[in-house]
Amino acid sequence: MSPDPSALEADVLAAGTVLWCPGDVGPLVALVHRPKYDDWSLPKGKVDPGESLSAAAVRETWEETGLRARLGALLGDVRYDVPEGRKLVRYWAAECLNRADFVPNQEVDELVWVPPAEATSRLTRDHDREIVARFAAQGPPRSVVLVVRHAKAGSRSDWDGEDDLRPLSAAGRRQAEQLVPFLARFGPERAVTAPPVRCRETIAPLVSALGLEPPSVEPLLGEEGYWEAPDRGLARFHELAAQPGVTVVCSQGGVIPDVVGTLLSEWGLNPPEVDEEKGVPSKKGSTWVLCLSSSGALTSADYYPDPTA
């Protein structure tokens, strides 16, 4: 699934989460009671002017629950009519990072943690039940991999040195800075990069902002090393994806379509906008968010072509 900017034709835009945490026999999801409407709902709210939907989802979850969340799989959009016109709400699965006692606020007076099956019977509205059912079908991920294509670099024809040493352009450095708040919403814990300087420079601002360990350099995920032995490159990617938690991997346009395309094909997920020659999309500065289950199955693959969209 990919966030579709062309689908955002609505009078009111909002975003929310299926906020989850581990339970004794499976995940628990957070439901909030809103006294203004006397309903049970998922954490959500309107997008502020100039704010992205993913940013709104994290912010509204914090404001309504007091809990920090990191986004995972995109669960989809719901649409319905409100007095202002047609409303669209986009939902993500989101892991709770600081489960604590709930403090009532102006919007929410009660919060409960319940299994997904109980949530679908307790929620007031059918569209919220459908979103929780999508989360339950996927299940919480064991691991998430943020596959980032490096930002814009200077022209290859204008560069006299080794291609791996070609740095980001001014536009690329801006892209790298724009990636920081976007990728931070997914809570990366470690970073891996292909050898080229432009890959390392793309995630350097993120590593610095989040205080991560210096990224490990993985030759098998650079174009040169990958195409010498694609099977070894895919195997190395699987090893990285098997690590619990969230890993950001920065690579190149000659590698990402093959890796992601292979995974999508392996697990029967349909990629968006496949180009017959180039394969799955991978614009400079774009991100694939891949969620994997405890068995290693790819449960979702979301493509974000622009971190500021």
Protein backbone atom coordinates (compact mmCIF):
# COMPACT_ATOMS: atom_id res chain seq x y z
CA MET A 1 0.00 0.00 0.00
CA SER A 2 1.20 3.51 -0.71
CA PRO A 3 0.00 6.84 0.59
CA ASP A 4 -1.75 8.34 -2.43
CA PRO A 5 -1.63 12.16 -2.58
CA SER A 6 -4.24 12.13 -5.36
CA ALA A 7 -6.68 10.45 -2.97
CA LEU A 8 -6.66 13.38 -0.55
CA GLU A 9 -9.63 15.12 -2.11
CA ALA A 10 -11.62 15.91 1.03
CA ASP A 11 -12.94 18.92 2.87
CA VAL A 12 -11.42 17.74 6.15
CA LEU A 13 -8.16 15.78 6.50
CA ALA A 14 -7.34 13.84 9.65
CA ALA A 15 -5.02 11.06 10.78
CA GLY A 16 -4.91 8.51 13.55
CA THR A 17 -3.46 5.25 14.80
CA VAL A 18 -4.25 1.80 15.99
CA LEU A 19 -2.00 2.21 19.00
CA TRP A 20 -0.83 -1.17 20.28
CA CYS A 21 1.38 -2.73 22.92
CA PRO A 22 2.30 -6.35 23.72
CA GLY A 23 -0.14 -8.28 25.90
CA ASP A 24 0.08 -11.62 27.69
CA VAL A 25 -1.49 -13.56 24.79
CA GLY A 26 -1.19 -11.10 21.91
CA PRO A 27 -1.31 -7.39 21.21
CA LEU A 28 -3.59 -4.95 22.99
CA VAL A 29 -4.96 -1.85 21.27
CA ALA A 30 -5.90 1.49 22.82
CA LEU A 31 -9.46 2.80 22.58
CA VAL A 32 -10.40 6.29 23.73
CA HIS A 33 -13.72 7.60 25.00
CA ARG A 34 -14.66 11.10 23.87
CA PRO A 35 -17.24 12.70 26.16
CA LYS A 36 -18.19 15.29 23.52
CA TYR A 37 -19.54 12.51 21.29
CA ASP A 38 -19.99 9.83 23.97
CA ASP A 39 -18.26 7.32 21.70
CA TRP A 40 -15.39 4.85 21.74
CA SER A 41 -12.89 5.63 19.01
CA LEU A 42 -9.30 5.28 17.88
CA PRO A 43 -6.87 8.13 18.61
CA LYS A 44 -7.15 10.59 15.72
CA GLY A 45 -7.54 14.26 14.87
CA LYS A 46 -7.44 16.92 12.19
CA VAL A 47 -4.29 17.83 10.28
CA ASP A 48 -2.87 21.26 11.08
CA PRO A 49 -2.12 23.65 8.17
CA GLY A 50 1.11 22.58 6.46
CA GLU A 51 1.32 19.37 8.47
CA SER A 52 1.72 15.93 6.89
CA LEU A 53 -0.72 13.15 7.67
CA SER A 54 1.95 10.97 9.29
CA ALA A 55 3.01 13.85 11.54
CA ALA A 56 -0.62 14.48 12.48
CA ALA A 57 -1.10 10.80 13.38
CA VAL A 58 1.79 10.86 15.86
CA ARG A 59 0.86 14.27 17.29
CA GLU A 60 -2.83 13.51 17.74
CA THR A 61 -2.04 10.19 19.40
CA TRP A 62 0.18 12.02 21.88
CA GLU A 63 -2.35 14.77 22.54
CA GLU A 64 -5.25 12.38 23.13
CA THR A 65 -3.44 9.68 25.07
CA GLY A 66 -0.21 11.17 26.43
CA LEU A 67 1.63 8.22 24.88
CA ARG A 68 4.53 8.21 22.44
CA ALA A 69 4.06 6.13 19.33
CA ARG A 70 6.19 4.98 16.45
CA LEU A 71 4.42 4.32 13.18
CA GLY A 72 4.42 1.03 11.35
CA ALA A 73 2.17 -0.27 8.59
CA LEU A 74 -0.25 2.01 6.80
CA LEU A 75 -3.73 0.60 7.47
CA GLY A 76 -5.70 2.72 5.02
CA ASP A 77 -8.20 5.54 4.73
CA VAL A 78 -11.80 5.93 5.82
CA ARG A 79 -14.21 8.54 4.50
CA TYR A 80 -17.44 9.87 5.90
CA ASP A 81 -19.54 13.02 5.98
CA VAL A 82 -19.24 15.70 8.65
CA PRO A 83 -20.89 19.16 8.90
CA GLU A 84 -17.87 20.68 7.10
CA GLY A 85 -18.22 18.27 4.18
CA ARG A 86 -16.41 15.07 3.22
CA LYS A 87 -13.80 13.87 5.75
CA LEU A 88 -10.83 11.55 5.19
CA VAL A 89 -8.94 9.88 8.04
CA ARG A 90 -5.71 7.98 7.32
CA TYR A 91 -4.64 5.36 9.88
CA TRP A 92 -1.36 3.70 10.76
CA ALA A 93 -0.52 0.88 13.11
CA ALA A 94 1.64 2.40 15.85
CA GLU A 95 3.58 0.80 18.67
CA CYS A 96 3.26 2.44 22.08
CA LEU A 97 6.71 3.30 23.44
CA ASN A 98 5.81 4.49 26.95
CA ARG A 99 2.68 2.78 28.25
CA ALA A 100 1.71 4.60 31.42
CA ASP A 101 -1.31 5.57 33.50
CA PHE A 102 -3.75 7.63 31.44
CA VAL A 103 -4.48 11.19 32.49
CA PRO A 104 -7.87 12.52 31.28
CA ASN A 105 -7.80 15.62 29.12
CA GLN A 106 -10.21 17.97 27.36
CA GLU A 107 -10.86 15.58 24.48
CA VAL A 108 -10.61 12.14 26.09
CA ASP A 109 -11.83 11.11 29.53
CA GLU A 110 -11.06 7.39 29.43
CA LEU A 111 -8.58 5.02 27.73
CA VAL A 112 -8.70 1.24 27.75
CA TRP A 113 -6.35 -1.43 26.44
CA VAL A 114 -8.19 -4.39 24.93
CA PRO A 115 -7.48 -7.27 22.52
CA PRO A 116 -8.37 -6.52 18.89
CA ALA A 117 -11.40 -8.85 18.99
CA GLU A 118 -12.85 -6.94 21.94
CA ALA A 119 -12.01 -3.63 20.27
CA THR A 120 -14.10 -4.49 17.21
CA SER A 121 -17.14 -5.03 19.43
CA ARG A 122 -16.53 -2.03 21.66
CA LEU A 123 -15.82 0.62 19.01
CA THR A 124 -18.78 2.80 18.14
CA ARG A 125 -18.28 3.07 14.38
CA ASP A 126 -18.00 0.42 11.69
CA HIS A 127 -15.11 2.11 9.88
CA ASP A 128 -13.00 2.00 13.07
CA ARG A 129 -13.81 -1.70 13.42
CA GLU A 130 -12.61 -2.28 9.87
CA ILE A 131 -9.28 -0.55 10.56
CA VAL A 132 -8.71 -2.65 13.69
CA ALA A 133 -9.59 -5.78 11.73
CA ARG A 134 -6.87 -4.87 9.20
CA PHE A 135 -4.37 -4.50 12.03
CA ALA A 136 -5.41 -7.86 13.51
CA ALA A 137 -5.01 -9.56 10.14
CA GLN A 138 -1.41 -8.32 9.85
CA GLY A 139 -0.48 -8.63 13.50
CA PRO A 140 2.23 -6.58 15.18
CA PRO A 141 5.59 -6.74 13.39
CA ARG A 142 8.66 -8.30 14.87
CA SER A 143 10.80 -6.03 12.73
CA VAL A 144 10.46 -3.01 10.47
CA VAL A 145 12.96 -2.03 7.77
CA LEU A 146 12.99 1.50 6.37
CA VAL A 147 14.59 1.16 2.94
CA VAL A 148 15.73 4.64 1.84
CA ARG A 149 17.13 5.53 -1.55
CA HIS A 150 19.89 8.09 -1.22
CA ALA A 151 19.04 11.73 -1.84
CA LYS A 152 20.01 13.69 -4.94
CA ALA A 153 23.71 13.77 -5.76
CA GLY A 154 25.73 15.86 -8.18
CA SER A 155 25.68 14.89 -11.83
CA ARG A 156 27.64 11.74 -12.64
CA SER A 157 28.91 13.36 -15.87
CA ASP A 158 30.28 16.37 -13.95
CA TRP A 159 32.15 14.24 -11.40
CA ASP A 160 35.77 13.35 -12.14
CA GLY A 161 36.47 11.07 -9.17
CA GLU A 162 35.34 7.59 -8.20
CA ASP A 163 31.56 7.34 -8.40
CA ASP A 164 31.30 6.05 -4.82
CA LEU A 165 32.84 9.33 -3.67
CA ARG A 166 30.24 11.52 -5.42
CA PRO A 167 28.54 13.57 -2.68
CA LEU A 168 25.03 14.91 -2.29
CA SER A 169 24.10 18.07 -4.11
CA ALA A 170 22.62 21.07 -2.31
CA ALA A 171 19.16 19.73 -3.16
CA GLY A 172 20.20 16.33 -1.84
CA ARG A 173 21.36 17.80 1.45
CA ARG A 174 17.95 19.45 1.83
CA GLN A 175 16.30 16.10 1.13
CA ALA A 176 18.47 14.46 3.77
CA GLU A 177 17.33 17.02 6.34
CA GLN A 178 13.69 16.53 5.31
CA LEU A 179 14.03 12.79 5.87
CA VAL A 180 14.90 13.30 9.55
CA PRO A 181 11.44 14.11 10.96
CA PHE A 182 9.74 11.69 8.58
CA LEU A 183 11.92 8.68 9.40
CA ALA A 184 11.94 9.58 13.10
CA ARG A 185 8.18 8.91 13.24
CA PHE A 186 8.97 5.22 12.62
CA GLY A 187 11.46 5.09 15.51
CA PRO A 188 14.61 3.67 13.88
CA GLU A 189 17.05 2.07 16.32
CA ARG A 190 19.99 1.32 14.03
CA ALA A 191 21.28 2.34 10.62
CA VAL A 192 22.93 0.49 7.75
CA THR A 193 24.27 2.08 4.58
CA ALA A 194 25.65 1.05 1.22
CA PRO A 195 29.26 2.20 0.64
CA PRO A 196 28.75 5.30 -1.57
CA VAL A 197 29.29 8.64 0.13
CA ARG A 198 25.88 9.84 -1.02
CA CYS A 199 24.21 7.00 0.89
CA ARG A 200 26.14 7.75 4.07
CA GLU A 201 25.43 11.48 3.75
CA THR A 202 21.72 10.83 3.29
CA ILE A 203 21.25 9.22 6.70
CA ALA A 204 23.94 11.17 8.57
CA PRO A 205 21.48 13.89 9.73
CA LEU A 206 19.07 11.22 11.02
CA VAL A 207 21.82 9.35 12.87
CA SER A 208 22.96 12.59 14.48
CA ALA A 209 19.47 13.79 15.39
CA LEU A 210 18.48 10.50 17.04
CA GLY A 211 21.85 9.78 18.62
CA LEU A 212 22.18 6.42 16.87
CA GLU A 213 25.39 4.44 16.66
CA PRO A 214 27.41 5.17 13.49
CA PRO A 215 25.86 3.23 10.62
CA SER A 216 27.42 -0.03 9.56
CA VAL A 217 28.56 -0.11 5.93
CA GLU A 218 27.20 -3.05 3.96
CA PRO A 219 28.94 -3.64 0.58
CA LEU A 220 26.42 -6.32 -0.42
CA LEU A 221 23.68 -3.68 -0.49
CA GLY A 222 25.56 -1.32 -2.81
CA GLU A 223 25.14 -1.64 -6.56
CA GLU A 224 28.62 -3.02 -7.18
CA GLY A 225 28.57 -5.62 -4.42
CA TYR A 226 24.93 -6.59 -4.86
CA TRP A 227 25.09 -7.42 -8.54
CA GLU A 228 28.27 -9.47 -8.11
CA ALA A 229 26.17 -11.90 -6.07
CA PRO A 230 22.47 -10.99 -5.81
CA ASP A 231 21.66 -14.12 -3.79
CA ARG A 232 24.19 -13.09 -1.15
CA GLY A 233 22.82 -9.55 -1.16
CA LEU A 234 19.27 -10.78 -0.60
CA ALA A 235 20.46 -13.13 2.11
CA ARG A 236 22.21 -10.25 3.86
CA PHE A 237 19.07 -8.15 3.65
CA HIS A 238 17.08 -11.00 5.24
CA GLU A 239 19.63 -11.11 8.06
CA LEU A 240 19.20 -7.41 8.69
CA ALA A 241 15.42 -7.69 8.49
CA ALA A 242 15.45 -10.49 11.06
CA GLN A 243 16.71 -8.14 13.77
CA PRO A 244 13.85 -7.18 16.10
CA GLY A 245 12.95 -3.50 16.12
CA VAL A 246 13.41 -0.89 13.43
CA THR A 247 16.36 -0.69 11.03
CA VAL A 248 16.96 2.01 8.43
CA VAL A 249 18.87 0.88 5.33
CA CYS A 250 20.09 3.44 2.80
CA SER A 251 20.90 2.05 -0.64
CA GLN A 252 20.82 2.82 -4.36
CA GLY A 253 18.37 2.81 -7.24
CA GLY A 254 20.11 -0.19 -8.80
CA VAL A 255 19.48 -2.33 -5.71
CA ILE A 256 16.23 -1.30 -4.02
CA PRO A 257 13.81 -2.27 -6.83
CA ASP A 258 15.29 -5.78 -7.01
CA VAL A 259 15.30 -6.34 -3.24
CA VAL A 260 11.82 -4.95 -2.64
CA GLY A 261 10.40 -6.47 -5.81
CA THR A 262 11.71 -9.89 -4.83
CA LEU A 263 10.16 -9.64 -1.36
CA LEU A 264 6.83 -8.45 -2.75
CA SER A 265 6.75 -11.31 -5.22
CA GLU A 266 7.78 -13.83 -2.59
CA TRP A 267 4.95 -12.85 -0.26
CA GLY A 268 2.29 -12.05 -2.83
CA LEU A 269 1.98 -8.32 -2.16
CA ASN A 270 1.13 -6.04 -5.07
CA PRO A 271 3.58 -3.17 -5.64
CA PRO A 272 2.32 0.21 -6.84
CA GLU A 273 3.12 1.73 -10.21
CA VAL A 274 5.54 -0.93 -11.47
CA ASP A 275 7.66 0.22 -14.40
CA GLU A 276 8.39 -2.64 -16.80
CA GLU A 277 12.03 -1.57 -17.15
CA LYS A 278 12.82 -0.11 -13.70
CA GLY A 279 10.65 -2.37 -11.56
CA VAL A 280 9.07 -1.15 -8.32
CA PRO A 281 9.38 2.60 -7.68
CA SER A 282 12.41 4.02 -5.90
CA LYS A 283 12.77 7.77 -6.32
CA LYS A 284 15.73 9.56 -4.79
CA GLY A 285 14.89 10.41 -1.20
CA SER A 286 12.01 7.93 -1.11
CA THR A 287 11.33 5.27 1.52
CA TRP A 288 9.87 1.78 1.58
CA VAL A 289 8.50 0.77 4.99
CA LEU A 290 8.62 -3.04 5.21
CA CYS A 291 7.00 -4.82 8.17
CA LEU A 292 7.86 -8.45 8.90
CA SER A 293 6.22 -10.93 11.24
CA SER A 294 7.90 -13.17 13.81
CA SER A 295 8.10 -15.89 11.13
CA GLY A 296 9.89 -13.55 8.73
CA ALA A 297 6.87 -13.06 6.47
CA LEU A 298 6.47 -9.69 4.80
CA THR A 299 3.10 -8.45 6.10
CA SER A 300 3.07 -4.94 4.60
CA ALA A 301 5.09 -2.79 2.24
CA ASP A 302 4.34 0.94 2.03
CA TYR A 303 6.06 3.31 -0.39
CA TYR A 304 6.58 6.99 0.46
CA PRO A 305 7.95 8.85 -2.57
CA ASP A 306 8.37 12.16 -0.75
CA PRO A 307 9.10 12.64 2.97
CA THR A 308 7.35 16.03 2.96
CA ALA A 309 4.12 14.96 1.21
